[in-house]
Amino acid sequence: METIEKVQRMDITKFKEDIRILSEGQRELKNQRRTVRMTGSRTMSSSEATWKHQMNREKLRLMFAAYGLMRGKSFSQIENKHKEEGHPLNDYKMKIGKIIASYVLEDKVVLVDSE
């Protein structure tokens, strides 16, 4: 008996690189948020750095969730503080789906023999 499966090829290296770039930016923004004991020179105001840090934080959380879903994990395995049925990431399924869709290279339909 043959079944039809949809196979997606993902650009994982670009996905990981984007996560890495945002993570490095978070470290810089953390330093810019400080008003006392800041190392280096100030490139933006502390309130602007705080706002950008919060936006990147939410984006990184959703990107890590998308990466976990692509690896076949459930939300409770990705963030194990919450149970699966009432998990906070359920509210972001549309955003996570858009993130995954932006890294799809191609969709294929494949016939699979299941004997």
PDB file of N, CA and C in Angstrom:
ATOM      1  N   MET A   1       0.847  -1.180   0.000  1.00  0.00           N
ATOM      2  CA  MET A   1       0.000   0.000   0.000  1.00  0.00           C
ATOM      3  C   MET A   1       0.887   1.235   0.000  1.00  0.00           C
ATOM      4  N   GLU A   2       0.555   2.183  -0.844  1.00  0.00           N
ATOM      5  CA  GLU A   2       1.334   3.410  -0.946  1.00  0.00           C
ATOM      6  C   GLU A   2       0.597   4.553  -0.263  1.00  0.00           C
ATOM      7  N   THR A   3       1.347   5.394   0.410  1.00  0.00           N
ATOM      8  CA  THR A   3       0.776   6.577   1.032  1.00  0.00           C
ATOM      9  C   THR A   3       1.505   7.809   0.504  1.00  0.00           C
ATOM     10  N   ILE A   4       0.832   8.928   0.582  1.00  0.00           N
ATOM     11  CA  ILE A   4       1.403  10.181   0.123  1.00  0.00           C
ATOM     12  C   ILE A   4       1.856  10.980   1.336  1.00  0.00           C
ATOM     13  N   GLU A   5       3.097  11.449   1.299  1.00  0.00           N
ATOM     14  CA  GLU A   5       3.631  12.270   2.373  1.00  0.00           C
ATOM     15  C   GLU A   5       4.139  13.581   1.791  1.00  0.00           C
ATOM     16  N   LYS A   6       3.947  14.641   2.552  1.00  0.00           N
ATOM     17  CA  LYS A   6       4.471  15.949   2.159  1.00  0.00           C
ATOM     18  C   LYS A   6       5.812  16.145   2.855  1.00  0.00           C
ATOM     19  N   VAL A   7       6.842  16.410   2.083  1.00  0.00           N
ATOM     20  CA  VAL A   7       8.190  16.570   2.624  1.00  0.00           C
ATOM     21  C   VAL A   7       8.628  18.005   2.363  1.00  0.00           C
ATOM     22  N   GLN A   8       9.148  18.656   3.399  1.00  0.00           N
ATOM     23  CA  GLN A   8       9.650  20.021   3.264  1.00  0.00           C
ATOM     24  C   GLN A   8      11.148  20.027   3.493  1.00  0.00           C
ATOM     25  N   ARG A   9      11.860  20.728   2.627  1.00  0.00           N
ATOM     26  CA  ARG A   9      13.286  20.900   2.817  1.00  0.00           C
ATOM     27  C   ARG A   9      13.512  22.271   3.426  1.00  0.00           C
ATOM     28  N   MET A  10      14.189  22.316   4.553  1.00  0.00           N
ATOM     29  CA  MET A  10      14.370  23.551   5.306  1.00  0.00           C
ATOM     30  C   MET A  10      15.811  24.054   5.164  1.00  0.00           C
ATOM     31  N   ASP A  11      15.975  25.354   5.279  1.00  0.00           N
ATOM     32  CA  ASP A  11      17.295  25.979   5.282  1.00  0.00           C
ATOM     33  C   ASP A  11      17.738  26.131   6.738  1.00  0.00           C
ATOM     34  N   ILE A  12      18.200  25.022   7.310  1.00  0.00           N
ATOM     35  CA  ILE A  12      18.554  24.973   8.738  1.00  0.00           C
ATOM     36  C   ILE A  12      19.782  25.822   9.029  1.00  0.00           C
ATOM     37  N   THR A  13      20.762  25.832   8.128  1.00  0.00           N
ATOM     38  CA  THR A  13      21.978  26.606   8.413  1.00  0.00           C
ATOM     39  C   THR A  13      21.666  28.096   8.504  1.00  0.00           C
ATOM     40  N   LYS A  14      20.814  28.605   7.619  1.00  0.00           N
ATOM     41  CA  LYS A  14      20.427  30.019   7.696  1.00  0.00           C
ATOM     42  C   LYS A  14      19.617  30.280   8.960  1.00  0.00           C
ATOM     43  N   PHE A  15      18.757  29.324   9.324  1.00  0.00           N
ATOM     44  CA  PHE A  15      17.944  29.448  10.529  1.00  0.00           C
ATOM     45  C   PHE A  15      18.831  29.539  11.772  1.00  0.00           C
ATOM     46  N   LYS A  16      19.816  28.645  11.876  1.00  0.00           N
ATOM     47  CA  LYS A  16      20.731  28.657  13.016  1.00  0.00           C
ATOM     48  C   LYS A  16      21.567  29.932  13.034  1.00  0.00           C
ATOM     49  N   GLU A  17      21.979  30.388  11.854  1.00  0.00           N
ATOM     50  CA  GLU A  17      22.781  31.611  11.783  1.00  0.00           C
ATOM     51  C   GLU A  17      21.973  32.823  12.247  1.00  0.00           C
ATOM     52  N   ASP A  18      20.703  32.883  11.864  1.00  0.00           N
ATOM     53  CA  ASP A  18      19.847  33.986  12.313  1.00  0.00           C
ATOM     54  C   ASP A  18      19.652  33.960  13.827  1.00  0.00           C
ATOM     55  N   ILE A  19      19.502  32.765  14.397  1.00  0.00           N
ATOM     56  CA  ILE A  19      19.391  32.641  15.858  1.00  0.00           C
ATOM     57  C   ILE A  19      20.687  33.115  16.512  1.00  0.00           C
ATOM     58  N   ARG A  20      21.817  32.717  15.942  1.00  0.00           N
ATOM     59  CA  ARG A  20      23.118  33.101  16.508  1.00  0.00           C
ATOM     60  C   ARG A  20      23.315  34.622  16.465  1.00  0.00           C
ATOM     61  N   ILE A  21      22.931  35.256  15.362  1.00  0.00           N
ATOM     62  CA  ILE A  21      23.083  36.710  15.235  1.00  0.00           C
ATOM     63  C   ILE A  21      22.214  37.435  16.250  1.00  0.00           C
ATOM     64  N   LEU A  22      20.957  36.997  16.405  1.00  0.00           N
ATOM     65  CA  LEU A  22      20.075  37.634  17.385  1.00  0.00           C
ATOM     66  C   LEU A  22      20.579  37.428  18.813  1.00  0.00           C
ATOM     67  N   SER A  23      21.129  36.239  19.092  1.00  0.00           N
ATOM     68  CA  SER A  23      21.653  35.967  20.432  1.00  0.00           C
ATOM     69  C   SER A  23      22.845  36.859  20.757  1.00  0.00           C
ATOM     70  N   GLU A  24      23.716  37.052  19.774  1.00  0.00           N
ATOM     71  CA  GLU A  24      24.858  37.942  19.995  1.00  0.00           C
ATOM     72  C   GLU A  24      24.382  39.382  20.192  1.00  0.00           C
ATOM     73  N   GLY A  25      23.357  39.777  19.469  1.00  0.00           N
ATOM     74  CA  GLY A  25      22.795  41.114  19.639  1.00  0.00           C
ATOM     75  C   GLY A  25      22.205  41.310  21.023  1.00  0.00           C
ATOM     76  N   GLN A  26      21.652  40.245  21.590  1.00  0.00           N
ATOM     77  CA  GLN A  26      21.097  40.334  22.935  1.00  0.00           C
ATOM     78  C   GLN A  26      22.184  40.675  23.954  1.00  0.00           C
ATOM     79  N   ARG A  27      23.362  40.095  23.793  1.00  0.00           N
ATOM     80  CA  ARG A  27      24.459  40.395  24.723  1.00  0.00           C
ATOM     81  C   ARG A  27      24.852  41.866  24.653  1.00  0.00           C
ATOM     82  N   GLU A  28      24.904  42.407  23.440  1.00  0.00           N
ATOM     83  CA  GLU A  28      25.246  43.822  23.275  1.00  0.00           C
ATOM     84  C   GLU A  28      24.147  44.712  23.850  1.00  0.00           C
ATOM     85  N   LEU A  29      22.884  44.340  23.612  1.00  0.00           N
ATOM     86  CA  LEU A  29      21.774  45.141  24.132  1.00  0.00           C
ATOM     87  C   LEU A  29      21.716  45.100  25.656  1.00  0.00           C
ATOM     88  N   LYS A  30      22.101  43.969  26.228  1.00  0.00           N
ATOM     89  CA  LYS A  30      22.110  43.868  27.691  1.00  0.00           C
ATOM     90  C   LYS A  30      23.091  44.878  28.277  1.00  0.00           C
ATOM     91  N   ASN A  31      24.242  45.031  27.647  1.00  0.00           N
ATOM     92  CA  ASN A  31      25.226  45.996  28.120  1.00  0.00           C
ATOM     93  C   ASN A  31      24.720  47.423  27.924  1.00  0.00           C
ATOM     94  N   GLN A  32      24.024  47.688  26.836  1.00  0.00           N
ATOM     95  CA  GLN A  32      23.526  49.037  26.564  1.00  0.00           C
ATOM     96  C   GLN A  32      22.375  49.426  27.493  1.00  0.00           C
ATOM     97  N   ARG A  33      21.690  48.449  28.077  1.00  0.00           N
ATOM     98  CA  ARG A  33      20.597  48.763  29.006  1.00  0.00           C
ATOM     99  C   ARG A  33      21.109  49.318  30.318  1.00  0.00           C
ATOM    100  N   ARG A  34      22.332  49.022  30.646  1.00  0.00           N
ATOM    101  CA  ARG A  34      22.885  49.441  31.935  1.00  0.00           C
ATOM    102  C   ARG A  34      23.057  50.951  32.002  1.00  0.00           C
ATOM    103  N   THR A  35      22.787  51.487  33.183  1.00  0.00           N
ATOM    104  CA  THR A  35      23.037  52.909  33.407  1.00  0.00           C
ATOM    105  C   THR A  35      24.263  53.106  34.290  1.00  0.00           C
ATOM    106  N   VAL A  36      24.656  52.055  35.019  1.00  0.00           N
ATOM    107  CA  VAL A  36      25.824  52.082  35.891  1.00  0.00           C
ATOM    108  C   VAL A  36      26.704  50.891  35.510  1.00  0.00           C
ATOM    109  N   ARG A  37      28.003  51.039  35.594  1.00  0.00           N
ATOM    110  CA  ARG A  37      28.975  49.978  35.310  1.00  0.00           C
ATOM    111  C   ARG A  37      28.877  49.439  33.887  1.00  0.00           C
ATOM    112  N   MET A  38      28.667  50.300  32.940  1.00  0.00           N
ATOM    113  CA  MET A  38      28.594  49.887  31.547  1.00  0.00           C
ATOM    114  C   MET A  38      30.008  49.766  30.988  1.00  0.00           C
ATOM    115  N   THR A  39      30.282  48.708  30.247  1.00  0.00           N
ATOM    116  CA  THR A  39      31.582  48.553  29.604  1.00  0.00           C
ATOM    117  C   THR A  39      31.457  48.995  28.156  1.00  0.00           C
ATOM    118  N   GLY A  40      32.453  49.700  27.659  1.00  0.00           N
ATOM    119  CA  GLY A  40      32.409  50.195  26.284  1.00  0.00           C
ATOM    120  C   GLY A  40      31.712  51.529  26.201  1.00  0.00           C
ATOM    121  N   SER A  41      31.393  51.940  24.980  1.00  0.00           N
ATOM    122  CA  SER A  41      30.743  53.232  24.785  1.00  0.00           C
ATOM    123  C   SER A  41      29.260  53.044  24.501  1.00  0.00           C
ATOM    124  N   ARG A  42      28.498  54.050  24.814  1.00  0.00           N
ATOM    125  CA  ARG A  42      27.051  53.987  24.598  1.00  0.00           C
ATOM    126  C   ARG A  42      26.736  54.258  23.138  1.00  0.00           C
ATOM    127  N   THR A  43      25.961  53.369  22.522  1.00  0.00           N
ATOM    128  CA  THR A  43      25.568  53.539  21.125  1.00  0.00           C
ATOM    129  C   THR A  43      24.085  53.881  20.992  1.00  0.00           C
ATOM    130  N   MET A  44      23.323  53.673  22.061  1.00  0.00           N
ATOM    131  CA  MET A  44      21.899  54.018  22.066  1.00  0.00           C
ATOM    132  C   MET A  44      21.472  54.281  23.501  1.00  0.00           C
ATOM    133  N   SER A  45      20.321  54.886  23.687  1.00  0.00           N
ATOM    134  CA  SER A  45      19.851  55.166  25.041  1.00  0.00           C
ATOM    135  C   SER A  45      19.442  53.865  25.719  1.00  0.00           C
ATOM    136  N   SER A  46      19.440  53.884  27.027  1.00  0.00           N
ATOM    137  CA  SER A  46      19.103  52.665  27.769  1.00  0.00           C
ATOM    138  C   SER A  46      17.646  52.260  27.558  1.00  0.00           C
ATOM    139  N   SER A  47      16.749  53.241  27.383  1.00  0.00           N
ATOM    140  CA  SER A  47      15.348  52.888  27.150  1.00  0.00           C
ATOM    141  C   SER A  47      15.159  52.248  25.780  1.00  0.00           C
ATOM    142  N   GLU A  48      15.885  52.725  24.767  1.00  0.00           N
ATOM    143  CA  GLU A  48      15.804  52.122  23.436  1.00  0.00           C
ATOM    144  C   GLU A  48      16.387  50.708  23.451  1.00  0.00           C
ATOM    145  N   ALA A  49      17.490  50.526  24.167  1.00  0.00           N
ATOM    146  CA  ALA A  49      18.107  49.201  24.283  1.00  0.00           C
ATOM    147  C   ALA A  49      17.179  48.239  25.004  1.00  0.00           C
ATOM    148  N   THR A  50      16.477  48.720  26.028  1.00  0.00           N
ATOM    149  CA  THR A  50      15.530  47.873  26.753  1.00  0.00           C
ATOM    150  C   THR A  50      14.394  47.438  25.835  1.00  0.00           C
ATOM    151  N   TRP A  51      13.891  48.365  25.038  1.00  0.00           N
ATOM    152  CA  TRP A  51      12.799  48.044  24.121  1.00  0.00           C
ATOM    153  C   TRP A  51      13.245  47.028  23.066  1.00  0.00           C
ATOM    154  N   LYS A  52      14.431  47.246  22.468  1.00  0.00           N
ATOM    155  CA  LYS A  52      14.943  46.309  21.460  1.00  0.00           C
ATOM    156  C   LYS A  52      15.233  44.946  22.068  1.00  0.00           C
ATOM    157  N   HIS A  53      15.751  44.929  23.297  1.00  0.00           N
ATOM    158  CA  HIS A  53      16.038  43.667  23.981  1.00  0.00           C
ATOM    159  C   HIS A  53      14.758  42.860  24.177  1.00  0.00           C
ATOM    160  N   GLN A  54      13.688  43.518  24.575  1.00  0.00           N
ATOM    161  CA  GLN A  54      12.412  42.831  24.787  1.00  0.00           C
ATOM    162  C   GLN A  54      11.858  42.277  23.473  1.00  0.00           C
ATOM    163  N   MET A  55      11.954  43.043  22.400  1.00  0.00           N
ATOM    164  CA  MET A  55      11.468  42.587  21.092  1.00  0.00           C
ATOM    165  C   MET A  55      12.286  41.389  20.593  1.00  0.00           C
ATOM    166  N   ASN A  56      13.606  41.472  20.718  1.00  0.00           N
ATOM    167  CA  ASN A  56      14.464  40.357  20.305  1.00  0.00           C
ATOM    168  C   ASN A  56      14.216  39.127  21.166  1.00  0.00           C
ATOM    169  N   ARG A  57      13.933  39.346  22.444  1.00  0.00           N
ATOM    170  CA  ARG A  57      13.699  38.240  23.361  1.00  0.00           C
ATOM    171  C   ARG A  57      12.485  37.430  22.920  1.00  0.00           C
ATOM    172  N   GLU A  58      11.398  38.132  22.570  1.00  0.00           N
ATOM    173  CA  GLU A  58      10.199  37.437  22.116  1.00  0.00           C
ATOM    174  C   GLU A  58      10.450  36.726  20.788  1.00  0.00           C
ATOM    175  N   LYS A  59      11.164  37.390  19.880  1.00  0.00           N
ATOM    176  CA  LYS A  59      11.459  36.778  18.584  1.00  0.00           C
ATOM    177  C   LYS A  59      12.332  35.542  18.739  1.00  0.00           C
ATOM    178  N   LEU A  60      13.344  35.615  19.606  1.00  0.00           N
ATOM    179  CA  LEU A  60      14.211  34.463  19.843  1.00  0.00           C
ATOM    180  C   LEU A  60      13.443  33.301  20.470  1.00  0.00           C
ATOM    181  N   ARG A  61      12.544  33.599  21.384  1.00  0.00           N
ATOM    182  CA  ARG A  61      11.742  32.548  22.008  1.00  0.00           C
ATOM    183  C   ARG A  61      10.927  31.800  20.954  1.00  0.00           C
ATOM    184  N   LEU A  62      10.311  32.552  20.047  1.00  0.00           N
ATOM    185  CA  LEU A  62       9.508  31.925  18.999  1.00  0.00           C
ATOM    186  C   LEU A  62      10.389  31.172  18.003  1.00  0.00           C
ATOM    187  N   MET A  63      11.597  31.690  17.731  1.00  0.00           N
ATOM    188  CA  MET A  63      12.507  30.986  16.821  1.00  0.00           C
ATOM    189  C   MET A  63      12.996  29.684  17.433  1.00  0.00           C
ATOM    190  N   PHE A  64      13.287  29.688  18.733  1.00  0.00           N
ATOM    191  CA  PHE A  64      13.683  28.448  19.399  1.00  0.00           C
ATOM    192  C   PHE A  64      12.532  27.448  19.414  1.00  0.00           C
ATOM    193  N   ALA A  65      11.300  27.934  19.594  1.00  0.00           N
ATOM    194  CA  ALA A  65      10.130  27.050  19.554  1.00  0.00           C
ATOM    195  C   ALA A  65       9.959  26.461  18.160  1.00  0.00           C
ATOM    196  N   ALA A  66      10.151  27.282  17.121  1.00  0.00           N
ATOM    197  CA  ALA A  66      10.043  26.794  15.745  1.00  0.00           C
ATOM    198  C   ALA A  66      11.118  25.753  15.458  1.00  0.00           C
ATOM    199  N   TYR A  67      12.322  25.985  15.947  1.00  0.00           N
ATOM    200  CA  TYR A  67      13.414  25.029  15.755  1.00  0.00           C
ATOM    201  C   TYR A  67      13.099  23.706  16.450  1.00  0.00           C
ATOM    202  N   GLY A  68      12.545  23.789  17.652  1.00  0.00           N
ATOM    203  CA  GLY A  68      12.167  22.571  18.363  1.00  0.00           C
ATOM    204  C   GLY A  68      11.071  21.812  17.642  1.00  0.00           C
ATOM    205  N   LEU A  69      10.089  22.518  17.098  1.00  0.00           N
ATOM    206  CA  LEU A  69       9.020  21.859  16.341  1.00  0.00           C
ATOM    207  C   LEU A  69       9.566  21.203  15.081  1.00  0.00           C
ATOM    208  N   MET A  70      10.519  21.852  14.426  1.00  0.00           N
ATOM    209  CA  MET A  70      11.120  21.253  13.230  1.00  0.00           C
ATOM    210  C   MET A  70      11.885  19.986  13.574  1.00  0.00           C
ATOM    211  N   ARG A  71      12.371  19.887  14.790  1.00  0.00           N
ATOM    212  CA  ARG A  71      13.077  18.688  15.232  1.00  0.00           C
ATOM    213  C   ARG A  71      12.128  17.627  15.781  1.00  0.00           C
ATOM    214  N   GLY A  72      10.810  17.918  15.774  1.00  0.00           N
ATOM    215  CA  GLY A  72       9.826  16.924  16.179  1.00  0.00           C
ATOM    216  C   GLY A  72       9.488  16.939  17.655  1.00  0.00           C
ATOM    217  N   LYS A  73       9.786  18.003  18.358  1.00  0.00           N
ATOM    218  CA  LYS A  73       9.482  18.087  19.785  1.00  0.00           C
ATOM    219  C   LYS A  73       8.156  18.798  20.002  1.00  0.00           C
ATOM    220  N   SER A  74       7.546  18.541  21.139  1.00  0.00           N
ATOM    221  CA  SER A  74       6.304  19.225  21.491  1.00  0.00           C
ATOM    222  C   SER A  74       6.641  20.475  22.304  1.00  0.00           C
ATOM    223  N   PHE A  75       5.623  21.316  22.512  1.00  0.00           N
ATOM    224  CA  PHE A  75       5.859  22.549  23.269  1.00  0.00           C
ATOM    225  C   PHE A  75       6.330  22.253  24.690  1.00  0.00           C
ATOM    226  N   SER A  76       5.781  21.223  25.325  1.00  0.00           N
ATOM    227  CA  SER A  76       6.187  20.920  26.690  1.00  0.00           C
ATOM    228  C   SER A  76       7.614  20.380  26.755  1.00  0.00           C
ATOM    229  N   GLN A  77       8.127  19.833  25.664  1.00  0.00           N
ATOM    230  CA  GLN A  77       9.520  19.403  25.633  1.00  0.00           C
ATOM    231  C   GLN A  77      10.445  20.583  25.351  1.00  0.00           C
ATOM    232  N   ILE A  78       9.959  21.574  24.630  1.00  0.00           N
ATOM    233  CA  ILE A  78      10.774  22.743  24.311  1.00  0.00           C
ATOM    234  C   ILE A  78      10.931  23.624  25.546  1.00  0.00           C
ATOM    235  N   GLU A  79       9.818  23.960  26.183  1.00  0.00           N
ATOM    236  CA  GLU A  79       9.823  24.715  27.440  1.00  0.00           C
ATOM    237  C   GLU A  79       9.119  23.844  28.466  1.00  0.00           C
ATOM    238  N   ASN A  80       9.883  23.169  29.294  1.00  0.00           N
ATOM    239  CA  ASN A  80       9.297  22.169  30.179  1.00  0.00           C
ATOM    240  C   ASN A  80       8.772  22.725  31.497  1.00  0.00           C
ATOM    241  N   LYS A  81       8.561  24.032  31.577  1.00  0.00           N
ATOM    242  CA  LYS A  81       7.961  24.607  32.785  1.00  0.00           C
ATOM    243  C   LYS A  81       6.450  24.413  32.797  1.00  0.00           C
ATOM    244  N   HIS A  82       5.863  24.185  31.617  1.00  0.00           N
ATOM    245  CA  HIS A  82       4.412  24.132  31.486  1.00  0.00           C
ATOM    246  C   HIS A  82       3.977  22.794  30.913  1.00  0.00           C
ATOM    247  N   LYS A  83       2.742  22.426  31.194  1.00  0.00           N
ATOM    248  CA  LYS A  83       2.164  21.219  30.624  1.00  0.00           C
ATOM    249  C   LYS A  83       1.709  21.510  29.197  1.00  0.00           C
ATOM    250  N   GLU A  84       1.502  20.460  28.410  1.00  0.00           N
ATOM    251  CA  GLU A  84       1.186  20.620  26.990  1.00  0.00           C
ATOM    252  C   GLU A  84      -0.172  21.277  26.757  1.00  0.00           C
ATOM    253  N   GLU A  85      -1.177  20.922  27.544  1.00  0.00           N
ATOM    254  CA  GLU A  85      -2.536  21.405  27.249  1.00  0.00           C
ATOM    255  C   GLU A  85      -2.710  22.902  27.483  1.00  0.00           C
ATOM    256  N   GLY A  86      -2.056  23.490  28.435  1.00  0.00           N
ATOM    257  CA  GLY A  86      -2.216  24.917  28.685  1.00  0.00           C
ATOM    258  C   GLY A  86      -0.944  25.699  28.425  1.00  0.00           C
ATOM    259  N   HIS A  87      -0.160  25.264  27.455  1.00  0.00           N
ATOM    260  CA  HIS A  87       1.154  25.870  27.227  1.00  0.00           C
ATOM    261  C   HIS A  87       1.018  27.267  26.619  1.00  0.00           C
ATOM    262  N   PRO A  88       1.805  28.244  27.107  1.00  0.00           N
ATOM    263  CA  PRO A  88       1.724  29.611  26.586  1.00  0.00           C
ATOM    264  C   PRO A  88       2.107  29.733  25.109  1.00  0.00           C
ATOM    265  N   LEU A  89       2.922  28.833  24.582  1.00  0.00           N
ATOM    266  CA  LEU A  89       3.308  28.909  23.175  1.00  0.00           C
ATOM    267  C   LEU A  89       2.149  28.581  22.238  1.00  0.00           C
ATOM    268  N   ASN A  90       1.084  27.985  22.752  1.00  0.00           N
ATOM    269  CA  ASN A  90      -0.096  27.727  21.918  1.00  0.00           C
ATOM    270  C   ASN A  90      -0.694  29.031  21.394  1.00  0.00           C
ATOM    271  N   ASP A  91      -0.512  30.120  22.116  1.00  0.00           N
ATOM    272  CA  ASP A  91      -1.028  31.420  21.672  1.00  0.00           C
ATOM    273  C   ASP A  91      -0.242  31.974  20.481  1.00  0.00           C
ATOM    274  N   TYR A  92       0.950  31.451  20.240  1.00  0.00           N
ATOM    275  CA  TYR A  92       1.832  31.973  19.193  1.00  0.00           C
ATOM    276  C   TYR A  92       1.963  31.023  18.003  1.00  0.00           C
ATOM    277  N   LYS A  93       1.034  30.081  17.833  1.00  0.00           N
ATOM    278  CA  LYS A  93       1.154  29.088  16.762  1.00  0.00           C
ATOM    279  C   LYS A  93       1.217  29.724  15.378  1.00  0.00           C
ATOM    280  N   MET A  94       0.453  30.791  15.162  1.00  0.00           N
ATOM    281  CA  MET A  94       0.467  31.453  13.851  1.00  0.00           C
ATOM    282  C   MET A  94       1.837  32.084  13.574  1.00  0.00           C
ATOM    283  N   LYS A  95       2.400  32.763  14.567  1.00  0.00           N
ATOM    284  CA  LYS A  95       3.710  33.394  14.387  1.00  0.00           C
ATOM    285  C   LYS A  95       4.795  32.339  14.174  1.00  0.00           C
ATOM    286  N   ILE A  96       4.722  31.237  14.925  1.00  0.00           N
ATOM    287  CA  ILE A  96       5.703  30.165  14.782  1.00  0.00           C
ATOM    288  C   ILE A  96       5.582  29.533  13.398  1.00  0.00           C
ATOM    289  N   GLY A  97       4.354  29.363  12.917  1.00  0.00           N
ATOM    290  CA  GLY A  97       4.136  28.816  11.580  1.00  0.00           C
ATOM    291  C   GLY A  97       4.719  29.712  10.494  1.00  0.00           C
ATOM    292  N   LYS A  98       4.602  31.031  10.672  1.00  0.00           N
ATOM    293  CA  LYS A  98       5.169  31.968   9.705  1.00  0.00           C
ATOM    294  C   LYS A  98       6.693  31.905   9.710  1.00  0.00           C
ATOM    295  N   ILE A  99       7.283  31.739  10.897  1.00  0.00           N
ATOM    296  CA  ILE A  99       8.739  31.626  10.995  1.00  0.00           C
ATOM    297  C   ILE A  99       9.206  30.373  10.267  1.00  0.00           C
ATOM    298  N   ILE A 100       8.532  29.252  10.500  1.00  0.00           N
ATOM    299  CA  ILE A 100       8.903  28.004   9.831  1.00  0.00           C
ATOM    300  C   ILE A 100       8.734  28.143   8.322  1.00  0.00           C
ATOM    301  N   ALA A 101       7.637  28.758   7.887  1.00  0.00           N
ATOM    302  CA  ALA A 101       7.374  28.913   6.449  1.00  0.00           C
ATOM    303  C   ALA A 101       8.421  29.789   5.774  1.00  0.00           C
ATOM    304  N   SER A 102       9.007  30.718   6.502  1.00  0.00           N
ATOM    305  CA  SER A 102       9.995  31.595   5.883  1.00  0.00           C
ATOM    306  C   SER A 102      11.323  30.882   5.627  1.00  0.00           C
ATOM    307  N   TYR A 103      11.552  29.727   6.233  1.00  0.00           N
ATOM    308  CA  TYR A 103      12.795  28.980   6.039  1.00  0.00           C
ATOM    309  C   TYR A 103      12.602  27.720   5.210  1.00  0.00           C
ATOM    310  N   VAL A 104      11.417  27.524   4.613  1.00  0.00           N
ATOM    311  CA  VAL A 104      11.170  26.364   3.752  1.00  0.00           C
ATOM    312  C   VAL A 104      11.780  26.640   2.384  1.00  0.00           C
ATOM    313  N   LEU A 105      12.604  25.722   1.903  1.00  0.00           N
ATOM    314  CA  LEU A 105      13.201  25.865   0.580  1.00  0.00           C
ATOM    315  C   LEU A 105      12.281  25.314  -0.503  1.00  0.00           C
ATOM    316  N   GLU A 106      11.722  24.116  -0.267  1.00  0.00           N
ATOM    317  CA  GLU A 106      10.830  23.520  -1.250  1.00  0.00           C
ATOM    318  C   GLU A 106       9.917  22.498  -0.575  1.00  0.00           C
ATOM    319  N   ASP A 107       8.738  22.328  -1.171  1.00  0.00           N
ATOM    320  CA  ASP A 107       7.784  21.313  -0.727  1.00  0.00           C
ATOM    321  C   ASP A 107       7.746  20.217  -1.776  1.00  0.00           C
ATOM    322  N   LYS A 108       7.735  18.959  -1.332  1.00  0.00           N
ATOM    323  CA  LYS A 108       7.624  17.827  -2.239  1.00  0.00           C
ATOM    324  C   LYS A 108       6.515  16.921  -1.753  1.00  0.00           C
ATOM    325  N   VAL A 109       5.870  16.278  -2.686  1.00  0.00           N
ATOM    326  CA  VAL A 109       4.914  15.231  -2.364  1.00  0.00           C
ATOM    327  C   VAL A 109       5.553  13.918  -2.795  1.00  0.00           C
ATOM    328  N   VAL A 110       5.667  12.964  -1.860  1.00  0.00           N
ATOM    329  CA  VAL A 110       6.383  11.728  -2.101  1.00  0.00           C
ATOM    330  C   VAL A 110       5.462  10.554  -1.851  1.00  0.00           C
ATOM    331  N   LEU A 111       5.523   9.542  -2.733  1.00  0.00           N
ATOM    332  CA  LEU A 111       4.820   8.288  -2.511  1.00  0.00           C
ATOM    333  C   LEU A 111       5.716   7.362  -1.706  1.00  0.00           C
ATOM    334  N   VAL A 112       5.168   6.815  -0.628  1.00  0.00           N
ATOM    335  CA  VAL A 112       5.944   5.967   0.266  1.00  0.00           C
ATOM    336  C   VAL A 112       5.292   4.591   0.307  1.00  0.00           C
ATOM    337  N   ASP A 113       6.100   3.546   0.098  1.00  0.00           N
ATOM    338  CA  ASP A 113       5.614   2.178   0.237  1.00  0.00           C
ATOM    339  C   ASP A 113       5.605   1.815   1.707  1.00  0.00           C
ATOM    340  N   SER A 114       4.458   1.410   2.215  1.00  0.00           N
ATOM    341  CA  SER A 114       4.385   1.019   3.635  1.00  0.00           C
ATOM    342  C   SER A 114       3.984  -0.448   3.733  1.00  0.00           C
ATOM    343  N   GLU A 115       4.900  -1.311   3.377  1.00  0.00           N
ATOM    344  CA  GLU A 115       4.636  -2.747   3.430  1.00  0.00           C
ATOM    345  C   GLU A 115       5.451  -3.399   4.502  1.00  0.00           C
TER     346      GLU A 115
END
